[in-house]
N, C-alpha and C. Protein backbone atom coordinates (compact mmCIF):
# COMPACT_ATOMS: atom_id res chain seq x y z
N MET A 1 14.95 3.67 -20.29
CA MET A 1 13.94 3.94 -19.28
C MET A 1 14.27 3.19 -18.00
N LEU A 2 14.65 3.91 -17.03
CA LEU A 2 15.05 3.32 -15.76
C LEU A 2 13.92 2.52 -15.11
N ASN A 3 12.72 3.06 -15.13
CA ASN A 3 11.59 2.40 -14.47
C ASN A 3 10.69 1.64 -15.43
N ASN A 4 11.09 1.59 -16.68
CA ASN A 4 10.30 0.88 -17.68
C ASN A 4 8.86 1.41 -17.73
N ALA A 5 8.71 2.72 -17.61
CA ALA A 5 7.40 3.36 -17.57
C ALA A 5 7.12 4.08 -18.89
N SER A 6 5.90 4.03 -19.29
CA SER A 6 5.46 4.77 -20.46
C SER A 6 4.98 6.14 -20.00
N VAL A 7 5.50 7.19 -20.60
CA VAL A 7 5.14 8.55 -20.23
C VAL A 7 4.56 9.25 -21.44
N GLN A 8 3.42 9.91 -21.24
CA GLN A 8 2.79 10.69 -22.30
C GLN A 8 2.65 12.13 -21.82
N PHE A 9 3.06 13.07 -22.66
CA PHE A 9 2.86 14.48 -22.37
C PHE A 9 1.72 14.96 -23.27
N ILE A 10 0.77 15.65 -22.68
CA ILE A 10 -0.39 16.12 -23.44
C ILE A 10 -0.49 17.62 -23.27
N GLN A 11 -0.47 18.32 -24.38
CA GLN A 11 -0.71 19.76 -24.36
C GLN A 11 -2.12 19.97 -24.85
N ALA A 12 -2.95 20.54 -23.98
CA ALA A 12 -4.36 20.69 -24.33
C ALA A 12 -4.98 21.85 -23.57
N ASP A 13 -6.06 22.35 -24.12
CA ASP A 13 -6.88 23.33 -23.43
C ASP A 13 -7.99 22.55 -22.75
N VAL A 14 -7.75 22.16 -21.51
CA VAL A 14 -8.67 21.28 -20.81
C VAL A 14 -10.05 21.93 -20.61
N LEU A 15 -10.12 23.24 -20.66
CA LEU A 15 -11.41 23.91 -20.52
C LEU A 15 -12.16 24.02 -21.85
N GLY A 16 -11.45 23.86 -22.96
CA GLY A 16 -12.11 24.06 -24.24
C GLY A 16 -12.04 22.90 -25.21
N ASP A 17 -11.03 22.05 -25.11
CA ASP A 17 -10.86 20.96 -26.07
C ASP A 17 -11.87 19.85 -25.84
N GLU A 18 -12.12 19.10 -26.89
CA GLU A 18 -12.94 17.90 -26.80
C GLU A 18 -12.15 16.84 -26.04
N THR A 19 -12.71 16.33 -24.98
CA THR A 19 -11.95 15.44 -24.10
C THR A 19 -11.93 13.99 -24.56
N SER A 20 -12.70 13.64 -25.57
CA SER A 20 -12.71 12.24 -26.02
C SER A 20 -11.38 11.84 -26.64
N GLN A 21 -10.56 12.82 -27.00
CA GLN A 21 -9.25 12.52 -27.60
C GLN A 21 -8.20 12.16 -26.56
N TYR A 22 -8.47 12.37 -25.31
CA TYR A 22 -7.50 12.12 -24.25
C TYR A 22 -7.35 10.63 -24.00
N PRO A 23 -6.17 10.19 -23.59
CA PRO A 23 -5.98 8.78 -23.28
C PRO A 23 -6.73 8.40 -22.00
N THR A 24 -7.03 7.14 -21.86
CA THR A 24 -7.72 6.64 -20.67
C THR A 24 -6.85 5.57 -20.02
N GLY A 25 -7.26 5.13 -18.84
CA GLY A 25 -6.53 4.08 -18.14
C GLY A 25 -5.18 4.53 -17.61
N LEU A 26 -5.08 5.81 -17.28
CA LEU A 26 -3.80 6.35 -16.80
C LEU A 26 -3.61 6.02 -15.32
N ASP A 27 -2.36 5.74 -14.96
CA ASP A 27 -2.04 5.45 -13.57
C ASP A 27 -1.75 6.72 -12.78
N VAL A 28 -1.21 7.74 -13.45
CA VAL A 28 -0.82 8.98 -12.79
C VAL A 28 -1.10 10.15 -13.72
N ILE A 29 -1.63 11.22 -13.15
CA ILE A 29 -1.75 12.49 -13.85
C ILE A 29 -1.07 13.53 -12.97
N VAL A 30 -0.15 14.28 -13.56
CA VAL A 30 0.54 15.37 -12.87
C VAL A 30 0.18 16.65 -13.60
N SER A 31 -0.26 17.65 -12.85
CA SER A 31 -0.67 18.91 -13.47
C SER A 31 -0.19 20.10 -12.64
N ASN A 32 0.32 21.07 -13.33
CA ASN A 32 0.66 22.36 -12.74
C ASN A 32 -0.19 23.39 -13.49
N PRO A 33 -1.49 23.42 -13.18
CA PRO A 33 -2.38 24.30 -13.93
C PRO A 33 -2.19 25.76 -13.53
N PRO A 34 -2.71 26.67 -14.34
CA PRO A 34 -2.70 28.07 -13.92
C PRO A 34 -3.43 28.20 -12.58
N TYR A 35 -2.85 28.97 -11.64
CA TYR A 35 -3.50 29.09 -10.33
C TYR A 35 -3.31 30.44 -9.66
N VAL A 36 -2.69 31.40 -10.32
CA VAL A 36 -2.46 32.70 -9.71
C VAL A 36 -3.64 33.62 -10.06
N PRO A 37 -4.36 34.13 -9.07
CA PRO A 37 -5.46 35.05 -9.37
C PRO A 37 -4.94 36.32 -10.06
N GLN A 38 -5.71 36.85 -10.98
CA GLN A 38 -5.34 38.05 -11.72
C GLN A 38 -4.95 39.19 -10.79
N ALA A 39 -5.60 39.28 -9.65
CA ALA A 39 -5.32 40.36 -8.69
C ALA A 39 -3.89 40.34 -8.17
N GLU A 40 -3.20 39.22 -8.32
CA GLU A 40 -1.83 39.10 -7.83
C GLU A 40 -0.78 39.43 -8.89
N LEU A 41 -1.20 39.88 -10.04
CA LEU A 41 -0.27 40.19 -11.14
C LEU A 41 0.86 41.11 -10.69
N ALA A 42 0.54 42.17 -9.97
CA ALA A 42 1.56 43.14 -9.55
C ALA A 42 2.58 42.52 -8.59
N ALA A 43 2.20 41.49 -7.87
CA ALA A 43 3.10 40.88 -6.89
C ALA A 43 4.01 39.81 -7.49
N ILE A 44 3.75 39.42 -8.72
CA ILE A 44 4.56 38.38 -9.37
C ILE A 44 5.93 38.94 -9.73
N ALA A 45 6.96 38.15 -9.50
CA ALA A 45 8.33 38.57 -9.81
C ALA A 45 8.46 38.93 -11.28
N PRO A 46 9.18 40.00 -11.59
CA PRO A 46 9.32 40.44 -12.99
C PRO A 46 9.84 39.34 -13.92
N ASN A 47 10.80 38.53 -13.45
CA ASN A 47 11.32 37.48 -14.32
C ASN A 47 10.27 36.44 -14.69
N VAL A 48 9.22 36.32 -13.88
CA VAL A 48 8.13 35.40 -14.18
C VAL A 48 7.11 36.07 -15.08
N LYS A 49 6.58 37.21 -14.66
CA LYS A 49 5.48 37.82 -15.43
C LYS A 49 5.92 38.36 -16.78
N GLU A 50 7.23 38.61 -16.96
CA GLU A 50 7.71 39.12 -18.24
C GLU A 50 8.13 38.02 -19.20
N HIS A 51 8.27 36.80 -18.71
CA HIS A 51 8.78 35.73 -19.58
C HIS A 51 7.90 34.49 -19.64
N GLU A 52 6.95 34.37 -18.75
CA GLU A 52 6.03 33.23 -18.77
C GLU A 52 4.72 33.68 -19.41
N PRO A 53 4.12 32.81 -20.22
CA PRO A 53 2.82 33.18 -20.80
C PRO A 53 1.77 33.35 -19.69
N HIS A 54 1.06 34.45 -19.73
CA HIS A 54 0.05 34.71 -18.71
C HIS A 54 -1.04 33.64 -18.72
N LEU A 55 -1.29 33.06 -19.87
CA LEU A 55 -2.27 31.98 -19.99
C LEU A 55 -1.89 30.79 -19.10
N ALA A 56 -0.59 30.60 -18.88
CA ALA A 56 -0.11 29.48 -18.06
C ALA A 56 -0.07 29.81 -16.58
N LEU A 57 -0.28 31.07 -16.22
CA LEU A 57 -0.14 31.50 -14.84
C LEU A 57 -1.45 31.86 -14.16
N PHE A 58 -2.29 32.63 -14.85
CA PHE A 58 -3.38 33.33 -14.18
C PHE A 58 -4.75 32.70 -14.39
N VAL A 59 -5.56 32.83 -13.35
CA VAL A 59 -6.97 32.41 -13.38
C VAL A 59 -7.82 33.61 -12.97
N PRO A 60 -9.09 33.59 -13.33
CA PRO A 60 -9.97 34.67 -12.90
C PRO A 60 -10.04 34.74 -11.37
N ASP A 61 -10.08 35.94 -10.84
CA ASP A 61 -10.14 36.12 -9.38
C ASP A 61 -11.33 35.41 -8.76
N ASP A 62 -12.43 35.33 -9.48
CA ASP A 62 -13.65 34.73 -8.93
C ASP A 62 -13.71 33.21 -9.14
N GLU A 63 -12.71 32.63 -9.82
CA GLU A 63 -12.70 31.18 -10.06
C GLU A 63 -11.29 30.60 -9.92
N PRO A 64 -10.66 30.73 -8.77
CA PRO A 64 -9.27 30.27 -8.65
C PRO A 64 -9.10 28.76 -8.77
N LEU A 65 -10.17 27.99 -8.61
CA LEU A 65 -10.07 26.53 -8.69
C LEU A 65 -10.62 25.95 -9.99
N VAL A 66 -10.84 26.78 -10.98
CA VAL A 66 -11.49 26.34 -12.21
C VAL A 66 -10.78 25.16 -12.86
N PHE A 67 -9.46 25.18 -12.93
CA PHE A 67 -8.73 24.08 -13.56
C PHE A 67 -8.75 22.82 -12.70
N TYR A 68 -8.68 22.99 -11.39
CA TYR A 68 -8.72 21.83 -10.50
C TYR A 68 -10.07 21.12 -10.61
N LYS A 69 -11.15 21.89 -10.69
CA LYS A 69 -12.48 21.30 -10.83
C LYS A 69 -12.59 20.49 -12.10
N LYS A 70 -12.17 21.08 -13.21
CA LYS A 70 -12.29 20.41 -14.51
C LYS A 70 -11.40 19.18 -14.58
N ILE A 71 -10.13 19.32 -14.23
CA ILE A 71 -9.19 18.21 -14.35
C ILE A 71 -9.56 17.07 -13.40
N SER A 72 -9.93 17.39 -12.18
CA SER A 72 -10.25 16.32 -11.23
C SER A 72 -11.50 15.55 -11.65
N THR A 73 -12.50 16.23 -12.16
CA THR A 73 -13.71 15.56 -12.63
C THR A 73 -13.40 14.70 -13.84
N LEU A 74 -12.69 15.25 -14.79
CA LEU A 74 -12.31 14.52 -16.00
C LEU A 74 -11.46 13.29 -15.65
N ALA A 75 -10.50 13.47 -14.75
CA ALA A 75 -9.63 12.37 -14.36
C ALA A 75 -10.42 11.25 -13.69
N LEU A 76 -11.33 11.62 -12.79
CA LEU A 76 -12.11 10.63 -12.06
C LEU A 76 -13.06 9.87 -12.99
N ASN A 77 -13.71 10.57 -13.88
CA ASN A 77 -14.75 9.98 -14.72
C ASN A 77 -14.24 9.35 -16.01
N GLN A 78 -13.04 9.73 -16.45
CA GLN A 78 -12.63 9.29 -17.78
C GLN A 78 -11.17 8.84 -17.87
N LEU A 79 -10.26 9.54 -17.23
CA LEU A 79 -8.85 9.35 -17.53
C LEU A 79 -8.10 8.36 -16.65
N LEU A 80 -8.34 8.40 -15.34
CA LEU A 80 -7.57 7.57 -14.41
C LEU A 80 -8.09 6.14 -14.33
N SER A 81 -7.16 5.22 -14.21
CA SER A 81 -7.53 3.83 -13.94
C SER A 81 -7.89 3.72 -12.45
N PRO A 82 -8.58 2.64 -12.06
CA PRO A 82 -8.87 2.46 -10.63
C PRO A 82 -7.57 2.47 -9.82
N GLY A 83 -7.55 3.24 -8.75
CA GLY A 83 -6.36 3.37 -7.92
C GLY A 83 -5.36 4.38 -8.45
N GLY A 84 -5.66 4.96 -9.61
CA GLY A 84 -4.76 5.95 -10.20
C GLY A 84 -4.63 7.18 -9.32
N ARG A 85 -3.51 7.88 -9.47
CA ARG A 85 -3.23 9.04 -8.62
C ARG A 85 -3.19 10.32 -9.43
N LEU A 86 -3.61 11.37 -8.77
CA LEU A 86 -3.62 12.71 -9.33
C LEU A 86 -2.69 13.57 -8.48
N TYR A 87 -1.84 14.36 -9.14
CA TYR A 87 -0.91 15.26 -8.44
C TYR A 87 -1.09 16.66 -9.02
N PHE A 88 -1.29 17.63 -8.15
CA PHE A 88 -1.45 19.02 -8.56
C PHE A 88 -0.45 19.91 -7.83
N GLU A 89 0.14 20.84 -8.55
CA GLU A 89 0.80 21.96 -7.87
C GLU A 89 -0.29 22.98 -7.60
N CYS A 90 -0.21 23.66 -6.45
CA CYS A 90 -1.27 24.57 -6.04
C CYS A 90 -0.72 25.89 -5.52
N HIS A 91 -1.54 26.89 -5.58
CA HIS A 91 -1.29 28.16 -4.91
C HIS A 91 -1.38 27.89 -3.41
N THR A 92 -0.45 28.41 -2.64
CA THR A 92 -0.45 28.13 -1.21
C THR A 92 -1.74 28.56 -0.51
N ASN A 93 -2.37 29.61 -1.02
CA ASN A 93 -3.60 30.10 -0.39
C ASN A 93 -4.82 29.24 -0.71
N TYR A 94 -4.71 28.37 -1.70
CA TYR A 94 -5.87 27.57 -2.13
C TYR A 94 -5.65 26.07 -2.00
N ALA A 95 -4.49 25.64 -1.54
CA ALA A 95 -4.18 24.21 -1.50
C ALA A 95 -5.17 23.43 -0.63
N ALA A 96 -5.53 23.96 0.52
CA ALA A 96 -6.49 23.26 1.39
C ALA A 96 -7.85 23.15 0.71
N GLN A 97 -8.23 24.17 -0.05
CA GLN A 97 -9.50 24.13 -0.79
C GLN A 97 -9.45 23.07 -1.89
N VAL A 98 -8.28 22.88 -2.50
CA VAL A 98 -8.14 21.84 -3.52
C VAL A 98 -8.32 20.46 -2.88
N VAL A 99 -7.76 20.26 -1.69
CA VAL A 99 -7.94 18.99 -0.98
C VAL A 99 -9.43 18.75 -0.74
N THR A 100 -10.14 19.75 -0.25
CA THR A 100 -11.58 19.62 0.00
C THR A 100 -12.33 19.33 -1.29
N LEU A 101 -11.98 20.03 -2.36
CA LEU A 101 -12.61 19.79 -3.66
C LEU A 101 -12.43 18.34 -4.08
N LEU A 102 -11.23 17.82 -3.96
CA LEU A 102 -10.96 16.43 -4.37
C LEU A 102 -11.73 15.45 -3.51
N GLN A 103 -11.77 15.69 -2.21
CA GLN A 103 -12.54 14.82 -1.32
C GLN A 103 -14.02 14.84 -1.71
N ASN A 104 -14.55 16.02 -1.97
CA ASN A 104 -15.97 16.15 -2.34
C ASN A 104 -16.27 15.58 -3.71
N THR A 105 -15.26 15.50 -4.57
CA THR A 105 -15.44 14.95 -5.92
C THR A 105 -15.45 13.43 -5.89
N GLY A 106 -14.88 12.84 -4.84
CA GLY A 106 -14.91 11.39 -4.72
C GLY A 106 -13.54 10.74 -4.61
N TYR A 107 -12.50 11.52 -4.50
CA TYR A 107 -11.16 10.96 -4.35
C TYR A 107 -10.93 10.52 -2.91
N LYS A 108 -9.98 9.62 -2.74
CA LYS A 108 -9.58 9.17 -1.41
C LYS A 108 -8.09 9.43 -1.23
N ASN A 109 -7.62 9.25 -0.02
CA ASN A 109 -6.20 9.44 0.29
C ASN A 109 -5.68 10.79 -0.19
N CYS A 110 -6.45 11.82 0.02
CA CYS A 110 -6.05 13.18 -0.37
C CYS A 110 -5.04 13.71 0.63
N GLN A 111 -3.96 14.23 0.12
CA GLN A 111 -2.89 14.73 0.99
C GLN A 111 -2.38 16.07 0.49
N LEU A 112 -2.06 16.91 1.44
CA LEU A 112 -1.44 18.19 1.17
C LEU A 112 0.04 18.04 1.46
N ILE A 113 0.90 18.45 0.53
CA ILE A 113 2.34 18.28 0.67
C ILE A 113 3.00 19.66 0.64
N ASN A 114 3.91 19.87 1.57
CA ASN A 114 4.63 21.14 1.63
C ASN A 114 5.82 21.15 0.68
N ASP A 115 6.16 22.34 0.19
CA ASP A 115 7.36 22.50 -0.62
C ASP A 115 8.57 22.60 0.28
N ILE A 116 9.73 22.80 -0.30
CA ILE A 116 10.97 22.86 0.47
C ILE A 116 10.97 24.01 1.48
N GLY A 117 10.18 25.05 1.21
CA GLY A 117 10.08 26.18 2.13
C GLY A 117 9.03 25.98 3.22
N GLY A 118 8.36 24.83 3.20
CA GLY A 118 7.34 24.55 4.21
C GLY A 118 5.97 25.09 3.87
N HIS A 119 5.76 25.54 2.63
CA HIS A 119 4.47 26.09 2.21
C HIS A 119 3.61 25.01 1.57
N ASN A 120 2.30 25.07 1.80
CA ASN A 120 1.37 24.17 1.12
C ASN A 120 1.52 24.38 -0.38
N ARG A 121 1.94 23.35 -1.10
CA ARG A 121 2.23 23.55 -2.51
C ARG A 121 1.73 22.46 -3.42
N MET A 122 1.57 21.24 -2.91
CA MET A 122 1.16 20.14 -3.78
C MET A 122 0.06 19.36 -3.10
N VAL A 123 -0.83 18.84 -3.94
CA VAL A 123 -1.91 18.00 -3.46
C VAL A 123 -1.90 16.72 -4.27
N THR A 124 -2.10 15.61 -3.59
CA THR A 124 -2.21 14.33 -4.27
C THR A 124 -3.49 13.64 -3.79
N ALA A 125 -4.06 12.85 -4.68
CA ALA A 125 -5.29 12.12 -4.35
C ALA A 125 -5.34 10.86 -5.19
N GLN A 126 -6.16 9.92 -4.74
CA GLN A 126 -6.26 8.62 -5.42
C GLN A 126 -7.71 8.36 -5.81
N LYS A 127 -7.86 7.80 -7.00
CA LYS A 127 -9.20 7.44 -7.48
C LYS A 127 -9.69 6.22 -6.72
């Protein structure tokens, strides 16, 4: 371990699983939740929509931020240690809304980060 860091990978249904089993006191949470609205299915590249599980890609058209709401609330109230950071990959059309959501949830130092192509793609925030 180059950085002498402990890393835990958790596979869970954050919308359905009992959250008391999740670890607490985390310094960092990184999430690439499903964020593509169902209406965009036809626009997704064939190599993605034919080989990636749709459960990992798509959200209901009327709730594009559903995973961000759940994870950010859970992280703030239960999972993150004080000063802990949250990192999300986001749909470019909703990244600014994710920043607003995090600010309204109680996070500080919320930042929108562009990908290599200059598109809004990642959001970070601090508890």
